Protein backbone atom coordinates (compact mmCIF):
# COMPACT_ATOMS: atom_id res chain seq x y z
CA MET A 1 265.33 -245.08 -7.54
CA PHE A 2 266.62 -242.18 -5.47
CA GLU A 3 268.15 -239.38 -7.59
CA VAL A 4 271.04 -237.38 -6.16
CA ASP A 5 270.54 -233.63 -6.45
CA GLU A 6 273.71 -232.71 -8.24
CA PRO A 7 274.40 -229.03 -9.08
CA ARG A 8 273.10 -228.27 -12.58
CA TRP A 9 272.77 -225.18 -14.66
CA HIS A 10 269.50 -223.30 -14.31
CA LEU A 11 268.07 -220.01 -15.59
CA VAL A 12 267.60 -217.08 -13.23
CA TYR A 13 265.52 -214.02 -14.07
CA ILE A 14 267.21 -210.95 -12.61
CA LYS A 15 266.40 -207.28 -12.08
CA PRO A 16 267.61 -204.69 -14.65
CA ARG A 17 271.27 -203.60 -14.22
CA LYS A 18 271.82 -206.00 -11.30
CA GLU A 19 274.08 -208.54 -13.08
CA GLU A 20 277.11 -207.83 -10.93
CA VAL A 21 275.10 -207.71 -7.73
CA VAL A 22 273.58 -211.11 -8.46
CA ARG A 23 276.96 -212.55 -9.50
CA VAL A 24 278.56 -211.45 -6.20
CA GLN A 25 275.61 -212.61 -4.10
CA LEU A 26 275.60 -216.05 -5.64
CA GLN A 27 279.39 -216.35 -5.60
CA ARG A 28 279.34 -215.69 -1.85
CA ILE A 29 277.19 -218.81 -1.29
CA GLY A 30 279.38 -220.91 -3.65
CA ILE A 31 277.21 -220.81 -6.77
CA GLU A 32 278.84 -220.49 -10.20
CA THR A 33 277.18 -218.01 -12.57
CA PHE A 34 277.40 -217.22 -16.27
CA TYR A 35 276.05 -214.07 -17.96
CA PRO A 36 276.85 -214.34 -21.67
CA LYS A 37 277.58 -211.21 -23.58
CA VAL A 38 278.23 -210.22 -27.20
CA ARG A 39 280.12 -207.39 -28.82
CA ILE A 40 277.81 -205.42 -31.12
CA VAL A 41 278.84 -202.78 -33.64
CA LYS A 42 276.13 -200.12 -33.94
CA LYS A 43 276.74 -197.10 -36.13
CA GLY A 44 280.46 -197.82 -36.09
CA VAL A 45 280.71 -197.99 -32.28
CA GLU A 46 281.43 -201.31 -30.57
CA LYS A 47 279.39 -202.03 -27.41
CA ILE A 48 279.18 -205.04 -25.14
CA GLU A 49 275.62 -206.15 -24.46
CA PRO A 50 274.03 -209.19 -22.79
CA LEU A 51 273.14 -212.10 -25.09
CA PHE A 52 269.98 -212.72 -22.98
CA PRO A 53 269.06 -209.49 -21.17
CA LEU A 54 267.78 -210.05 -17.64
CA TYR A 55 268.65 -213.79 -17.67
CA MET A 56 271.66 -215.29 -15.91
CA PHE A 57 272.71 -218.90 -15.77
CA ALA A 58 273.55 -220.33 -12.35
CA ARG A 59 274.87 -223.80 -11.42
CA PHE A 60 273.21 -224.99 -8.22
CA SER A 61 271.46 -227.83 -6.47
CA VAL A 62 267.69 -227.38 -6.59
CA VAL A 63 267.04 -229.05 -3.25
CA LYS A 64 269.94 -227.38 -1.39
CA ASP A 65 270.16 -223.93 -3.02
CA SER A 66 267.04 -222.88 -4.89
CA LEU A 67 265.64 -220.79 -1.99
CA ASN A 68 268.96 -219.04 -1.48
CA VAL A 69 269.17 -218.23 -5.20
CA ASN A 70 265.55 -217.16 -5.41
CA TYR A 71 265.98 -214.71 -2.50
CA ALA A 72 269.41 -213.36 -3.41
CA ARG A 73 269.57 -209.59 -3.83
CA GLY A 74 268.91 -208.65 -7.46
CA VAL A 75 267.15 -211.91 -8.38
CA ARG A 76 263.48 -211.75 -9.42
CA TRP A 77 263.01 -215.56 -9.54
CA VAL A 78 264.41 -218.87 -10.65
CA VAL A 79 262.74 -219.80 -13.96
CA LYS A 80 260.17 -222.60 -13.49
CA PHE A 81 257.67 -224.52 -15.59
CA GLY A 82 254.85 -225.13 -13.16
CA ASN A 83 256.60 -226.41 -10.04
CA ARG A 84 259.59 -227.83 -11.93
CA ILE A 85 262.91 -226.00 -12.22
CA PRO A 86 264.37 -227.15 -15.53
CA SER A 87 268.09 -227.70 -15.90
CA LEU A 88 270.33 -226.98 -18.88
CA SER A 89 273.01 -229.34 -20.18
CA GLU A 90 276.70 -228.72 -19.63
CA ASP A 91 277.12 -228.92 -23.45
CA PHE A 92 274.65 -226.06 -23.95
CA ILE A 93 276.46 -223.83 -21.43
CA GLU A 94 279.84 -224.73 -22.93
CA SER A 95 278.56 -223.78 -26.41
CA LEU A 96 277.42 -220.41 -25.03
CA LYS A 97 280.77 -219.87 -23.34
CA ALA A 98 282.48 -220.58 -26.72
CA VAL A 99 280.64 -217.67 -28.27
CA ASN A 100 280.84 -215.37 -25.26
CA LEU A 101 281.94 -211.89 -26.38
CA ALA A 102 281.62 -212.84 -30.05
CA LEU A 103 281.35 -209.89 -32.46
CA ILE A 104 277.99 -209.23 -34.09
CA GLU A 105 277.75 -206.46 -36.65
CA GLU A 106 274.30 -204.89 -36.77
CA LYS A 107 273.01 -204.57 -40.31
CA PRO A 108 271.57 -201.20 -41.22
CA LYS A 109 267.84 -201.03 -40.79
CA ILE A 110 266.07 -201.11 -44.16
CA ARG A 111 263.29 -198.54 -44.58
CA GLN A 112 260.76 -197.64 -47.18
CA ASN A 113 262.27 -195.57 -50.07
CA ASP A 114 265.85 -196.74 -49.37
CA VAL A 115 267.82 -197.40 -52.57
CA ILE A 116 269.30 -200.92 -52.39
CA ARG A 117 271.35 -203.43 -54.32
CA ILE A 118 270.29 -207.07 -54.27
CA VAL A 119 273.35 -209.11 -53.21
CA ASP A 120 271.98 -212.65 -53.46
CA GLY A 121 269.41 -214.69 -55.32
CA PRO A 122 268.19 -214.55 -58.94
CA PHE A 123 268.07 -210.71 -58.98
CA ARG A 124 271.71 -210.36 -57.78
CA ASN A 125 273.30 -206.95 -58.62
CA PHE A 126 269.93 -205.36 -59.52
CA ILE A 127 269.32 -201.90 -58.09
CA GLY A 128 265.96 -200.87 -56.73
CA ARG A 129 263.90 -198.88 -54.24
CA VAL A 130 262.21 -200.37 -51.19
CA LEU A 131 258.45 -199.99 -51.50
CA LYS A 132 257.49 -201.84 -48.35
CA VAL A 133 259.11 -203.70 -45.43
CA LYS A 134 257.04 -206.77 -44.52
CA ARG A 135 256.54 -209.38 -41.78
CA GLY A 136 258.60 -208.05 -38.87
CA GLU A 137 261.22 -206.60 -41.25
CA GLU A 138 262.15 -210.05 -42.61
CA ARG A 139 261.11 -209.36 -46.21
CA VAL A 140 261.02 -206.33 -48.46
CA VAL A 141 259.09 -205.40 -51.61
CA ILE A 142 261.40 -203.70 -54.11
CA LEU A 143 260.72 -201.69 -57.23
CA LEU A 144 263.56 -202.64 -59.60
CA LYS A 145 265.22 -200.04 -61.78
CA ALA A 146 264.65 -201.93 -65.02
CA VAL A 147 262.47 -202.01 -68.07
CA ASN A 148 258.78 -201.91 -67.00
CA SER A 149 259.92 -201.49 -63.34
CA PRO A 150 258.84 -204.87 -61.96
CA THR A 151 258.42 -205.39 -58.20
CA VAL A 152 259.86 -208.34 -56.32
CA GLU A 153 259.58 -209.56 -52.72
CA ILE A 154 262.78 -210.94 -51.24
CA PRO A 155 264.39 -211.62 -47.84
CA VAL A 156 266.05 -208.63 -46.16
CA GLU A 157 269.41 -210.46 -45.99
CA TYR A 158 269.50 -210.39 -49.85
CA VAL A 159 269.87 -206.62 -49.94
CA GLU A 160 272.34 -203.91 -48.99
CA VAL A 161 271.43 -200.27 -48.60
CA LEU A 162 273.09 -197.93 -51.07
CA LEU A 163 271.27 -194.71 -50.21
CA GLU A 164 268.98 -194.28 -47.23
CA ARG A 165 265.51 -192.83 -47.67
CA GLU A 166 265.99 -191.14 -51.03
CA ASN A 167 263.08 -188.86 -51.88
CA ALA A 168 260.94 -189.99 -54.77
């Protein structure tokens, strides 16, 4: 059966700091774009950053528009798997649009020797010192301030920093 090449959402890899250039270039040829962003609070300052740096979504017909998109100023390439240009569902794009400019608060980075309080799990409300940050900063080994000073390994999201890098 012959399949009609309807415009669909695709992923476009773009050059650094060229989001607006690409948006304008593609808009000129009638292609809708979407560059999702989030609001991030870092050290008390709110910034707007891309959700997927260097990747923009564009709604276009592969047969009719892929060469124009691929050679638009600021575009590195249309993302492909082999010779196939995959498409994304409307539902996926709509879910991204629903969280566009959502606020994300960056948690403080946990480091060795930080004094922490455990805020979840069986050791909730215990105080301790971080001995080691493990596995891509997903888990920490903590020396608890208790009788016999036991150590425990727990997920990072179970702790809050009370005092950063206290000297031993």
